Amino acid sequence: MEQDKREIAQTEQQLREAIAAERFFETESGRLFQDLANRKINFILKDITSDKFVKDHAGYVSALADLNAYKYMLRAMQVAGLPERINRLKLKLGEFEENGK
């Protein structure tokens, strides 16, 4: 019973976050964030595919870590607000209600 309540609360929290993420990318701030992150990703890609780090392995590794961090963060936020994810979370909450949890 306690586990069910925790699972319901966790699913409700995930749904709130997903809806917030979806709304975020619909705002001017969200679009700006996405644009700036994409620009930074492209800038880093340009650097690591050039001769800039030929003799600077540590710099290359650092740039690669930055690239992966930006890509991961942007993708995580985009996935968080996917309509499919929101629908899946709503269905999960509906199943809890149907089962009387």
Protein backbone atom coordinates (compact mmCIF):
# COMPACT_ATOMS: atom_id res chain seq x y z
CA MET A 1 0.00 0.00 0.00
CA GLU A 2 2.78 2.42 0.95
CA GLN A 3 4.73 1.35 -2.14
CA ASP A 4 1.67 2.04 -4.31
CA LYS A 5 1.34 5.56 -2.88
CA ARG A 6 5.01 6.24 -3.56
CA GLU A 7 4.70 4.94 -7.11
CA ILE A 8 1.61 7.08 -7.75
CA ALA A 9 3.33 10.16 -6.31
CA GLN A 10 6.42 9.49 -8.42
CA THR A 11 4.33 9.08 -11.58
CA GLU A 12 2.41 12.28 -10.83
CA GLN A 13 5.72 14.12 -10.36
CA GLN A 14 7.05 12.74 -13.64
CA LEU A 15 3.86 13.86 -15.39
CA ARG A 16 4.17 17.39 -13.97
CA GLU A 17 7.80 17.54 -15.13
CA ALA A 18 6.89 16.24 -18.59
CA ILE A 19 4.14 18.81 -19.01
CA ALA A 20 6.48 21.56 -17.81
CA ALA A 21 9.15 20.43 -20.30
CA GLU A 22 6.61 20.39 -23.12
CA ARG A 23 5.46 23.90 -22.25
CA PHE A 24 9.03 25.13 -21.84
CA PHE A 25 9.93 24.42 -25.45
CA GLU A 26 6.78 26.23 -26.59
CA THR A 27 7.99 29.46 -24.94
CA GLU A 28 10.46 31.95 -26.32
CA SER A 29 12.88 31.07 -23.51
CA GLY A 30 12.65 27.40 -24.38
CA ARG A 31 13.27 28.01 -28.05
CA LEU A 32 16.21 30.26 -27.14
CA PHE A 33 17.67 27.57 -24.86
CA GLN A 34 17.33 24.99 -27.61
CA ASP A 35 18.91 27.30 -30.18
CA LEU A 36 21.84 28.21 -27.91
CA ALA A 37 22.46 24.58 -26.98
CA ASN A 38 22.42 23.57 -30.65
CA ARG A 39 24.84 26.38 -31.49
CA LYS A 40 27.20 25.29 -28.72
CA ILE A 41 27.02 21.67 -29.89
CA ASN A 42 27.83 22.72 -33.46
CA PHE A 43 30.68 24.96 -32.25
CA ILE A 44 32.25 22.13 -30.26
CA LEU A 45 31.77 19.69 -33.15
CA LYS A 46 33.54 22.12 -35.47
CA ASP A 47 36.43 22.41 -33.00
CA ILE A 48 36.91 18.69 -32.41
CA THR A 49 36.76 17.85 -36.11
CA SER A 50 39.37 20.50 -36.95
CA ASP A 51 43.09 20.49 -36.28
CA LYS A 52 42.63 22.51 -33.10
CA PHE A 53 43.36 19.60 -30.75
CA VAL A 54 46.04 17.80 -32.78
CA LYS A 55 48.61 18.26 -29.99
CA ASP A 56 46.21 18.82 -27.11
CA HIS A 57 44.71 15.49 -26.11
CA ALA A 58 43.45 16.82 -22.76
CA GLY A 59 41.70 19.69 -24.54
CA TYR A 60 40.12 17.24 -26.97
CA VAL A 61 38.86 15.03 -24.16
CA SER A 62 37.49 18.07 -22.33
CA ALA A 63 35.73 19.34 -25.47
CA LEU A 64 34.31 15.87 -26.11
CA ALA A 65 32.99 15.74 -22.53
CA ASP A 66 31.39 19.17 -22.99
CA LEU A 67 29.84 18.05 -26.27
CA ASN A 68 28.33 14.96 -24.68
CA ALA A 69 27.02 16.97 -21.73
CA TYR A 70 25.27 19.49 -23.98
CA LYS A 71 23.85 16.76 -26.21
CA TYR A 72 22.64 14.74 -23.23
CA MET A 73 21.04 17.72 -21.51
CA LEU A 74 19.27 18.93 -24.65
CA ARG A 75 18.05 15.43 -25.55
CA ALA A 76 16.87 14.71 -22.00
CA MET A 77 14.80 17.88 -21.95
CA GLN A 78 13.37 17.20 -25.40
CA VAL A 79 12.44 13.62 -24.49
CA ALA A 80 10.95 14.73 -21.16
CA GLY A 81 8.29 16.74 -22.96
CA LEU A 82 7.38 14.30 -25.71
CA PRO A 83 3.61 13.88 -26.13
CA GLU A 84 4.10 10.09 -26.20
CA ARG A 85 5.74 10.20 -22.77
CA ILE A 86 2.99 12.41 -21.37
CA ASN A 87 0.33 10.05 -22.71
CA ARG A 88 2.16 7.02 -21.28
CA LEU A 89 2.31 8.65 -17.84
CA LYS A 90 -1.39 9.58 -18.01
CA LEU A 91 -2.24 5.99 -18.94
CA LYS A 92 -0.16 4.72 -16.03
CA LEU A 93 -2.02 7.02 -13.62
CA GLY A 94 -5.31 5.87 -15.15
CA GLU A 95 -4.35 2.26 -14.50
CA PHE A 96 -3.66 3.11 -10.86
CA GLU A 97 -7.13 4.65 -10.58
CA GLU A 98 -8.77 1.66 -12.29
CA ASN A 99 -7.05 -0.73 -9.93
CA GLY A 100 -8.10 1.35 -6.93
CA LYS A 101 -4.60 2.14 -5.78
